[in-house]
Amino acid sequence: MKQLASGAMDSNLMVWNFKPQMRAYRFVGHKDSILSVNFSPSGHLVASASRDKTIRLWIPSVKGESTVFKAHTATVRSVEFSPDGQHLVSASDDKTVKVWTVHRQRFQFSLSQHQNWVRCAKWSPDGRLIVSGSDDKTVKIWDRTSKECVHTFFEHGGFVNHVAFHPSGTCIAAAGTDSTVKVWDIRMNKLLQHYQAHTSAVNSLSFHPSGNYLITASNDSTLKILDLLEGRLFYTLHGHQGPATAVAFSRSGEYFASGGSDEQVMVWKTNFDQIDYNEVLQSHKLRTVEEPRPHIHDIHPRSPQPRQILPSSAPRVDARTEPRNMSAPPPSVTNVGPAMFAQPMVNGSAKSGLHQLEMSSADIDRRGLLDDPTSPQQPSAPVTIPLEERNLPVQLSKTLEQIVSQLDVITQTVSILEQRMTMTENKLRECLDNQQKITLQVRPNE
């Protein structure tokens, strides 16, 4: 692992470099707390979501260049790159899931069937499905092509804080404020496993790349590793002095990182399994090539075979450790963060003046910032990050600018309408609640 990205209440994006020496870069741009960060599959870009209602796309270099995505009308709680790196999916308190294009930097479409804040949205490994979790206590599966919800799971008894796809693409997991973690098979739409290992709300979860383990982070300040093959709690990890708010495995599965309200980011060595991860990942890759993943509509339901679910009183395996204090001695921090473009994206469309960024491998090696945490050494050829082509005739450029400006107006109008619809829904819900209360008061008198 070479890099780690983190966001916090201080509105700064931090990129931590571990090799060749410990060094941290602080990216400034957001105007409020950062709630989600994600590396692109290539490692050349980082996306961040914030309470300031925006998404920022960063090039993690010493220049700190970024561009802004605006279309949400409330806090953006989650952002993730698609497996091919061409799209972003975001979840927001405006009750929508939105999909964006990365290189053309455009808002594409919204998914709007949730009845409350959407806490998290994630891609399936093949990029054809999206899973989302909401404060309406539901988990929804969306088809990216049809833009329709293909199934809704209602089993959670509290808000759904986090969702994720299993590496095989056949299962999903969700964590909620009811202190539980649930695993479903999306081919059968059946609940397979239910864990109640934590004593407080579960904030985050992450599948090990092998698919055999699931790690969770909770307000009870612990991390727990669940053995999915055995259907049991495997480890309990103590380290954070307050709620553990985020956790994620590295892409190789050799490490995992956690963050908490104690302002600490901890990096852990994955030593709980003796399996050769490279062999497991290679077998997954071969299986994926030879047997393409079926689509959710291509498989007929079959009888479920859920694993035995152990009760919450199952014996705990306590792996208390002395975590290495990464802040002593503190790494040197470099402040970066001017805007990538003179004019940011407004309401889902980028202004003119975009350009192509090209960096040589020598620049990359010198800066040590564009490597993905697990990617091999970069080739000697120049690395190009295509953002938008500019070699266009003048007349065509003017026409495109007019179209973009019209799209800006349309997108802004849609955003205003969404906001008004949300207000109307809230008022209608209040009226229905009041009417129900009045009915309950009248009936006893009768």
Protein backbone atom coordinates (compact mmCIF):
# COMPACT_ATOMS: atom_id res chain seq x y z
CA MET A 1 0.00 0.00 0.00
CA LYS A 2 1.50 3.32 -1.09
CA GLN A 3 -1.29 5.83 -0.46
CA LEU A 4 -4.29 6.41 1.75
CA ALA A 5 -6.92 9.15 1.47
CA SER A 6 -9.03 10.49 4.33
CA GLY A 7 -11.58 13.23 4.89
CA ALA A 8 -12.70 14.87 8.11
CA MET A 9 -14.78 17.55 9.78
CA ASP A 10 -12.02 20.10 9.10
CA SER A 11 -13.08 20.08 5.40
CA ASN A 12 -9.60 19.00 4.26
CA LEU A 13 -8.74 16.01 2.09
CA MET A 14 -5.59 14.28 3.31
CA VAL A 15 -3.52 11.98 1.10
CA TRP A 16 -1.00 9.97 3.08
CA ASN A 17 2.06 8.55 1.32
CA PHE A 18 3.87 5.65 2.94
CA LYS A 19 6.62 5.01 0.41
CA PRO A 20 9.39 5.89 0.01
CA GLN A 21 8.92 7.99 3.16
CA MET A 22 5.98 8.98 5.35
CA ARG A 23 4.51 12.20 4.01
CA ALA A 24 1.06 13.81 4.04
CA TYR A 25 -0.59 16.27 1.64
CA ARG A 26 -3.50 18.46 2.67
CA PHE A 27 -5.90 19.42 -0.14
CA VAL A 28 -8.01 22.50 0.51
CA GLY A 29 -11.19 23.27 -1.41
CA HIS A 30 -14.31 22.05 0.34
CA LYS A 31 -16.20 24.53 2.51
CA ASP A 32 -17.61 21.99 4.98
CA SER A 33 -16.99 18.51 6.36
CA ILE A 34 -15.84 15.75 3.99
CA LEU A 35 -17.94 12.62 4.48
CA SER A 36 -16.59 10.26 1.79
CA VAL A 37 -13.44 9.78 -0.29
CA ASN A 38 -12.59 7.29 -3.03
CA PHE A 39 -9.59 6.57 -5.31
CA SER A 40 -10.25 5.93 -8.99
CA PRO A 41 -9.34 2.40 -10.18
CA SER A 42 -6.20 3.80 -11.84
CA GLY A 43 -5.24 5.79 -8.76
CA HIS A 44 -4.86 8.97 -10.83
CA LEU A 45 -7.91 10.70 -9.34
CA VAL A 46 -9.57 11.06 -5.95
CA ALA A 47 -13.23 11.95 -5.43
CA SER A 48 -14.61 13.53 -2.26
CA ALA A 49 -18.14 14.26 -1.04
CA SER A 50 -18.99 17.01 1.42
CA ARG A 51 -21.64 18.70 3.52
CA ASP A 52 -21.18 21.73 1.25
CA LYS A 53 -23.45 19.87 -1.26
CA THR A 54 -20.62 19.31 -3.73
CA ILE A 55 -18.37 16.57 -5.06
CA ARG A 56 -14.78 17.39 -5.89
CA LEU A 57 -12.54 15.51 -8.29
CA TRP A 58 -8.87 15.85 -7.38
CA ILE A 59 -5.62 15.06 -9.13
CA PRO A 60 -3.48 14.07 -6.12
CA SER A 61 -0.39 16.03 -7.12
CA VAL A 62 1.44 18.84 -5.37
CA LYS A 63 -0.61 21.34 -7.40
CA GLY A 64 -3.77 20.22 -5.64
CA GLU A 65 -5.94 20.64 -8.73
CA SER A 66 -9.66 19.91 -8.43
CA THR A 67 -12.95 20.48 -10.19
CA VAL A 68 -16.38 20.80 -8.61
CA PHE A 69 -19.55 18.82 -9.36
CA LYS A 70 -22.80 20.54 -8.35
CA ALA A 71 -26.30 19.13 -8.72
CA HIS A 72 -27.25 17.88 -5.25
CA THR A 73 -29.36 20.23 -3.14
CA ALA A 74 -28.24 18.88 0.25
CA THR A 75 -25.31 17.17 1.99
CA VAL A 76 -23.51 14.59 -0.17
CA ARG A 77 -22.72 11.59 2.02
CA SER A 78 -21.15 9.10 -0.38
CA VAL A 79 -19.20 9.02 -3.63
CA GLU A 80 -17.59 6.13 -5.52
CA PHE A 81 -15.93 5.54 -8.90
CA SER A 82 -17.40 2.89 -11.18
CA PRO A 83 -15.18 -0.17 -11.78
CA ASP A 84 -14.10 1.20 -15.18
CA GLY A 85 -13.36 4.64 -13.71
CA GLN A 86 -15.65 6.39 -16.20
CA HIS A 87 -18.50 7.30 -13.85
CA LEU A 88 -19.24 8.40 -10.29
CA VAL A 89 -22.23 7.53 -8.12
CA SER A 90 -23.20 9.77 -5.21
CA ALA A 91 -25.78 9.66 -2.40
CA SER A 92 -27.26 12.70 -0.71
CA ASP A 93 -29.63 14.04 1.92
CA ASP A 94 -31.78 15.34 -0.96
CA LYS A 95 -33.08 11.71 -1.13
CA THR A 96 -31.44 11.02 -4.49
CA VAL A 97 -28.67 8.88 -5.94
CA LYS A 98 -26.93 10.61 -8.85
CA VAL A 99 -24.65 9.29 -11.57
CA TRP A 100 -21.96 11.43 -13.23
CA THR A 101 -19.45 11.05 -16.05
CA VAL A 102 -15.85 11.56 -14.99
CA HIS A 103 -13.98 12.65 -18.12
CA ARG A 104 -16.75 14.81 -19.58
CA GLN A 105 -17.65 15.93 -16.07
CA ARG A 106 -21.40 15.84 -16.56
CA PHE A 107 -24.34 15.01 -14.34
CA GLN A 108 -26.17 12.14 -16.06
CA PHE A 109 -29.28 11.08 -14.14
CA SER A 110 -30.93 10.72 -10.73
CA LEU A 111 -32.46 7.73 -8.96
CA SER A 112 -35.24 9.08 -6.77
CA GLN A 113 -37.38 6.47 -5.01
CA HIS A 114 -35.98 6.76 -1.48
CA GLN A 115 -38.24 8.51 1.05
CA ASN A 116 -35.49 9.87 3.27
CA TRP A 117 -31.80 10.75 3.27
CA VAL A 118 -29.61 8.40 1.23
CA ARG A 119 -26.52 7.52 3.25
CA CYS A 120 -24.53 5.40 0.80
CA ALA A 121 -24.46 4.21 -2.82
CA LYS A 122 -22.06 1.67 -4.36
CA TRP A 123 -21.41 0.05 -7.74
CA SER A 124 -21.55 -3.66 -8.43
CA PRO A 125 -18.22 -5.17 -9.57
CA ASP A 126 -19.42 -5.27 -13.19
CA GLY A 127 -20.82 -1.72 -13.05
CA ARG A 128 -24.32 -2.75 -14.13
CA LEU A 129 -26.06 -2.39 -10.76
CA ILE A 130 -26.07 0.17 -7.95
CA VAL A 131 -26.97 -0.50 -4.32
CA SER A 132 -28.12 2.28 -2.00
CA GLY A 133 -29.02 2.53 1.68
CA SER A 134 -31.24 5.17 3.24
CA ASP A 135 -32.72 6.57 6.43
CA ASP A 136 -36.05 5.20 5.18
CA LYS A 137 -34.68 1.85 6.49
CA THR A 138 -34.49 0.29 3.02
CA VAL A 139 -31.75 -1.04 0.76
CA LYS A 140 -32.45 -0.69 -2.96
CA ILE A 141 -30.89 -2.35 -6.00
CA TRP A 142 -30.91 -0.23 -9.18
CA ASP A 143 -30.34 -1.18 -12.79
CA ARG A 144 -27.98 1.37 -14.30
CA THR A 145 -29.26 0.88 -17.86
CA SER A 146 -33.00 1.09 -17.21
CA LYS A 147 -32.57 3.50 -14.27
CA GLU A 148 -35.18 1.49 -12.38
CA CYS A 149 -35.23 0.00 -8.90
CA VAL A 150 -35.23 -3.78 -9.40
CA HIS A 151 -35.64 -4.77 -5.74
CA THR A 152 -36.02 -3.28 -2.27
CA PHE A 153 -34.99 -4.95 1.01
CA PHE A 154 -36.93 -3.92 4.13
CA GLU A 155 -35.31 -6.07 6.83
CA HIS A 156 -33.40 -3.31 8.67
CA GLY A 157 -34.99 -1.95 11.83
CA GLY A 158 -33.05 1.32 11.71
CA PHE A 159 -31.37 3.75 9.35
CA VAL A 160 -29.04 2.11 6.82
CA ASN A 161 -25.61 3.73 7.17
CA HIS A 162 -23.51 1.76 4.69
CA VAL A 163 -23.89 -0.75 1.86
CA ALA A 164 -21.45 -2.71 -0.31
CA PHE A 165 -21.32 -5.40 -2.99
CA HIS A 166 -19.57 -8.70 -2.40
CA PRO A 167 -16.55 -9.09 -4.75
CA SER A 168 -18.45 -11.83 -6.62
CA GLY A 169 -21.29 -9.41 -7.38
CA THR A 170 -23.93 -11.90 -6.20
CA CYS A 171 -24.41 -10.60 -2.65
CA ILE A 172 -24.71 -7.28 -0.84
CA ALA A 173 -24.17 -6.28 2.78
CA ALA A 174 -25.68 -3.41 4.75
CA ALA A 175 -24.93 -1.87 8.15
CA GLY A 176 -27.45 0.08 10.19
CA THR A 177 -28.23 2.03 13.32
CA ASP A 178 -30.00 -1.04 14.70
CA SER A 179 -26.49 -2.43 15.45
CA THR A 180 -26.86 -5.18 12.84
CA VAL A 181 -25.12 -6.25 9.64
CA LYS A 182 -27.15 -8.14 7.05
CA VAL A 183 -26.06 -10.04 3.94
CA TRP A 184 -28.46 -10.77 1.06
CA ASP A 185 -28.19 -12.88 -2.09
CA ILE A 186 -29.46 -10.59 -4.87
CA ARG A 187 -30.09 -13.51 -7.25
CA MET A 188 -32.72 -14.94 -4.90
CA ASN A 189 -33.48 -11.69 -3.06
CA LYS A 190 -33.11 -13.62 0.20
CA LEU A 191 -31.49 -12.70 3.52
CA LEU A 192 -28.53 -15.06 3.96
CA GLN A 193 -26.83 -13.87 7.13
CA HIS A 194 -27.68 -11.60 10.04
CA TYR A 195 -25.05 -10.44 12.53
CA GLN A 196 -25.62 -8.53 15.76
CA ALA A 197 -22.05 -8.41 16.98
CA HIS A 198 -21.93 -4.70 17.87
CA THR A 199 -23.61 -2.95 20.80
CA SER A 200 -24.21 0.31 18.95
CA ALA A 201 -24.84 1.66 15.44
CA VAL A 202 -22.66 0.20 12.67
CA ASN A 203 -21.24 3.02 10.54
CA SER A 204 -19.17 1.32 7.85
CA LEU A 205 -18.25 -2.05 6.37
CA SER A 206 -15.89 -3.48 3.76
CA PHE A 207 -15.52 -6.88 2.08
CA HIS A 208 -12.11 -8.50 1.96
CA PRO A 209 -11.10 -8.96 -1.73
CA SER A 210 -11.22 -12.75 -1.26
CA GLY A 211 -14.89 -12.44 -0.33
CA ASN A 212 -14.38 -14.59 2.77
CA TYR A 213 -14.42 -11.82 5.39
CA LEU A 214 -16.32 -8.66 6.19
CA ILE A 215 -15.02 -5.91 8.47
CA THR A 216 -17.28 -3.43 10.28
CA ALA A 217 -16.83 -0.19 12.25
CA SER A 218 -19.22 0.91 14.98
CA ASN A 219 -20.11 3.62 17.47
CA ASP A 220 -19.09 1.15 20.18
CA SER A 221 -15.48 2.10 19.19
CA THR A 222 -14.63 -1.39 17.90
CA LEU A 223 -13.87 -2.99 14.56
CA LYS A 224 -15.19 -6.51 14.03
CA ILE A 225 -14.14 -9.04 11.44
CA LEU A 226 -16.84 -11.50 10.40
CA ASP A 227 -16.04 -14.88 8.89
CA LEU A 228 -18.62 -15.21 6.11
CA LEU A 229 -17.78 -18.85 5.37
CA GLU A 230 -18.48 -19.91 8.95
CA GLY A 231 -21.12 -17.27 9.64
CA ARG A 232 -19.51 -16.11 12.89
CA LEU A 233 -17.66 -13.28 14.58
CA PHE A 234 -13.95 -13.82 14.07
CA TYR A 235 -12.10 -10.87 15.66
CA THR A 236 -12.88 -7.81 17.76
CA LEU A 237 -10.31 -5.03 17.37
CA HIS A 238 -9.87 -2.21 19.86
CA GLY A 239 -7.90 0.93 19.07
CA HIS A 240 -10.15 3.95 18.63
CA GLN A 241 -11.07 5.96 21.71
CA GLY A 242 -14.50 6.91 20.36
CA PRO A 243 -16.91 5.87 17.60
CA ALA A 244 -15.20 4.16 14.65
CA THR A 245 -16.73 5.90 11.64
CA ALA A 246 -15.02 4.33 8.61
CA VAL A 247 -13.14 1.19 7.61
CA ALA A 248 -11.85 -0.19 4.30
CA PHE A 249 -9.59 -2.97 3.02
CA SER A 250 -6.80 -2.19 0.60
CA ARG A 251 -7.30 -3.59 -2.88
CA SER A 252 -4.89 -6.43 -2.27
CA GLY A 253 -6.44 -7.20 1.12
CA GLU A 254 -3.05 -7.07 2.82
CA TYR A 255 -3.99 -4.02 4.91
CA PHE A 256 -7.08 -2.23 6.13
CA ALA A 257 -7.53 1.29 7.47
CA SER A 258 -9.98 2.76 9.96
CA GLY A 259 -10.97 6.25 11.01
CA GLY A 260 -12.80 7.52 14.06
CA SER A 261 -14.18 10.51 15.91
CA ASP A 262 -10.95 10.50 17.96
CA GLU A 263 -9.31 12.18 14.92
CA GLN A 264 -7.14 9.11 14.34
CA VAL A 265 -6.56 7.18 11.11
CA MET A 266 -5.19 3.71 11.84
CA VAL A 267 -3.59 1.30 9.38
CA TRP A 268 -3.79 -2.38 10.30
CA LYS A 269 -1.97 -5.41 8.94
CA THR A 270 -4.33 -8.17 7.77
CA ASN A 271 -2.81 -11.17 9.51
CA PHE A 272 -5.93 -13.05 10.56
CA ASP A 273 -5.85 -15.49 7.66
CA GLN A 274 -3.10 -17.75 6.33
CA ILE A 275 -4.64 -17.98 2.85
CA ASP A 276 -2.51 -16.74 -0.01
CA TYR A 277 -4.55 -13.72 -1.15
CA ASN A 278 -2.84 -13.56 -4.52
CA GLU A 279 -3.99 -17.10 -5.30
CA VAL A 280 -7.55 -16.32 -4.21
CA LEU A 281 -7.67 -13.13 -6.25
CA GLN A 282 -6.16 -14.88 -9.27
CA SER A 283 -8.81 -17.62 -9.07
CA HIS A 284 -11.51 -14.93 -8.87
CA LYS A 285 -10.03 -13.23 -11.91
CA LEU A 286 -9.90 -16.46 -13.91
CA ARG A 287 -13.47 -17.29 -12.95
CA THR A 288 -14.59 -13.82 -13.98
CA VAL A 289 -12.95 -14.17 -17.39
CA GLU A 290 -14.21 -17.67 -18.12
CA GLU A 291 -17.68 -17.29 -16.57
CA PRO A 292 -19.05 -13.73 -16.88
CA ARG A 293 -21.22 -12.70 -13.97
CA PRO A 294 -24.91 -13.28 -14.68
CA HIS A 295 -27.31 -10.38 -14.68
CA ILE A 296 -29.85 -10.26 -11.89
CA HIS A 297 -32.67 -10.96 -14.38
CA ASP A 298 -30.88 -13.92 -15.99
CA ILE A 299 -31.05 -16.26 -12.99
CA HIS A 300 -34.21 -18.02 -11.89
CA PRO A 301 -34.87 -18.14 -8.13
CA ARG A 302 -33.80 -21.25 -6.33
CA SER A 303 -34.22 -22.54 -2.81
CA PRO A 304 -32.15 -20.45 -0.39
CA GLN A 305 -29.30 -22.03 1.54
CA PRO A 306 -28.57 -19.55 4.33
CA ARG A 307 -25.69 -20.24 6.65
CA GLN A 308 -26.31 -20.84 10.30
CA ILE A 309 -26.54 -17.51 12.10
CA LEU A 310 -24.98 -17.53 15.52
CA PRO A 311 -26.73 -15.55 18.27
CA SER A 312 -25.32 -12.30 19.55
CA SER A 313 -24.01 -14.13 22.61
CA ALA A 314 -21.48 -16.04 20.52
CA PRO A 315 -17.99 -16.10 22.06
CA ARG A 316 -15.97 -13.02 21.28
CA VAL A 317 -12.46 -13.24 19.94
CA ASP A 318 -10.75 -10.19 21.36
CA ALA A 319 -7.63 -9.20 19.42
CA ARG A 320 -6.51 -6.28 21.51
CA THR A 321 -3.33 -4.81 20.08
CA GLU A 322 -1.08 -1.87 20.62
CA PRO A 323 -1.57 0.11 17.42
CA ARG A 324 1.46 1.88 16.11
CA ASN A 325 1.14 5.63 16.66
CA MET A 326 1.49 7.00 13.13
CA SER A 327 1.49 10.57 14.41
CA ALA A 328 4.75 10.22 16.36
CA PRO A 329 6.92 11.52 14.86
CA PRO A 330 4.36 13.44 12.80
CA PRO A 331 4.81 13.28 9.02
CA SER A 332 5.56 16.46 7.14
CA VAL A 333 2.40 18.00 5.71
CA THR A 334 2.23 19.97 2.47
CA ASN A 335 -0.74 22.28 1.92
CA VAL A 336 -2.08 22.23 -1.64
CA GLY A 337 -5.37 22.99 -3.31
CA PRO A 338 -5.89 25.70 -5.97
CA ALA A 339 -8.73 25.10 -8.40
CA MET A 340 -8.08 23.00 -11.49
CA PHE A 341 -10.09 25.32 -13.70
CA ALA A 342 -10.87 29.01 -13.53
CA GLN A 343 -14.59 28.25 -13.71
CA PRO A 344 -15.97 25.33 -11.65
CA MET A 345 -18.78 23.05 -12.72
CA VAL A 346 -22.16 24.55 -11.94
CA ASN A 347 -25.32 22.47 -11.66
CA GLY A 348 -23.87 19.43 -13.33
CA SER A 349 -22.12 21.04 -16.35
CA ALA A 350 -18.52 22.13 -16.74
CA LYS A 351 -17.68 25.54 -18.15
CA SER A 352 -15.49 25.93 -21.19
CA GLY A 353 -11.73 26.06 -20.91
CA LEU A 354 -11.11 22.43 -19.95
CA HIS A 355 -7.84 20.96 -21.05
CA GLN A 356 -5.88 17.74 -21.17
CA LEU A 357 -3.37 17.03 -18.43
CA GLU A 358 -0.28 15.05 -19.38
CA MET A 359 2.47 14.01 -17.00
CA SER A 360 5.56 11.96 -17.67
CA SER A 361 6.52 8.99 -15.55
CA ALA A 362 9.47 11.02 -14.31
CA ASP A 363 7.09 13.64 -12.91
CA ILE A 364 5.04 10.90 -11.30
CA ASP A 365 8.07 9.27 -9.72
CA ARG A 366 9.37 12.63 -8.52
CA ARG A 367 6.09 13.62 -6.91
CA GLY A 368 5.23 10.13 -5.70
CA LEU A 369 1.52 10.96 -5.64
CA LEU A 370 -0.27 9.42 -8.60
CA ASP A 371 0.27 5.77 -7.72
CA ASP A 372 -2.72 3.74 -6.63
CA PRO A 373 -2.14 2.09 -3.24
CA THR A 374 -1.56 -1.30 -4.86
CA SER A 375 -0.67 -0.50 -8.45
CA PRO A 376 2.66 -1.65 -9.94
CA GLN A 377 5.41 0.69 -11.05
CA GLN A 378 4.19 3.07 -13.76
CA PRO A 379 5.56 2.65 -17.32
CA SER A 380 7.97 5.09 -18.82
CA ALA A 381 5.48 6.43 -21.37
CA PRO A 382 3.64 9.66 -20.57
CA VAL A 383 0.47 9.23 -18.56
CA THR A 384 -2.49 11.15 -19.96
CA ILE A 385 -5.57 12.03 -17.96
CA PRO A 386 -8.15 13.02 -20.57
CA LEU A 387 -10.54 15.60 -19.17
CA GLU A 388 -12.04 17.10 -22.31
CA GLU A 389 -11.01 17.68 -25.89
CA ARG A 390 -10.55 21.29 -27.02
CA ASN A 391 -9.49 20.97 -30.67
CA LEU A 392 -12.86 22.07 -32.06
CA PRO A 393 -13.89 24.58 -34.77
CA VAL A 394 -14.83 28.02 -33.45
CA GLN A 395 -18.44 27.83 -34.63
CA LEU A 396 -18.90 24.39 -33.09
CA SER A 397 -17.36 25.60 -29.83
CA LYS A 398 -19.83 28.48 -29.68
CA THR A 399 -22.72 26.15 -30.38
CA LEU A 400 -21.58 23.76 -27.66
CA GLU A 401 -21.22 26.64 -25.21
CA GLN A 402 -24.80 27.70 -25.92
CA ILE A 403 -26.00 24.14 -25.40
CA VAL A 404 -24.06 23.89 -22.15
CA SER A 405 -25.54 27.16 -20.90
CA GLN A 406 -29.04 25.92 -21.71
CA LEU A 407 -28.31 22.66 -19.92
CA ASP A 408 -27.15 24.71 -16.93
CA VAL A 409 -30.53 26.43 -16.80
CA ILE A 410 -32.42 23.15 -17.18
CA THR A 411 -30.34 21.41 -14.49
CA GLN A 412 -30.75 24.33 -12.11
CA THR A 413 -34.52 24.29 -12.72
CA VAL A 414 -34.64 20.56 -12.01
CA SER A 415 -32.69 21.05 -8.79
CA ILE A 416 -35.14 23.76 -7.65
CA LEU A 417 -38.09 21.52 -8.51
CA GLU A 418 -36.53 18.64 -6.56
CA GLN A 419 -36.07 20.92 -3.57
CA ARG A 420 -39.69 22.11 -3.75
CA MET A 421 -40.95 18.54 -4.11
CA THR A 422 -38.98 17.59 -1.01
CA MET A 423 -40.55 20.46 0.94
CA THR A 424 -44.01 19.47 -0.31
CA GLU A 425 -43.45 15.84 0.70
CA ASN A 426 -42.39 16.91 4.19
CA LYS A 427 -45.43 19.14 4.60
CA LEU A 428 -47.74 16.41 3.33
CA ARG A 429 -46.21 13.94 5.76
CA GLU A 430 -46.74 16.40 8.63
CA CYS A 431 -50.38 16.86 7.60
CA LEU A 432 -50.94 13.10 7.51
CA ASP A 433 -49.30 12.68 10.91
CA ASN A 434 -51.46 15.43 12.38
CA GLN A 435 -54.58 13.93 10.84
CA GLN A 436 -53.72 10.54 12.32
CA LYS A 437 -53.20 12.08 15.76
CA ILE A 438 -56.56 13.87 15.56
CA THR A 439 -58.26 10.61 14.54
CA LEU A 440 -56.71 8.78 17.48
CA GLN A 441 -57.88 11.52 19.86
CA VAL A 442 -61.44 11.49 18.51
CA ARG A 443 -61.92 7.72 18.67
CA PRO A 444 -61.53 7.38 22.48
CA ASN A 445 -64.10 10.13 22.97
CA GLU A 446 -66.58 8.20 20.81
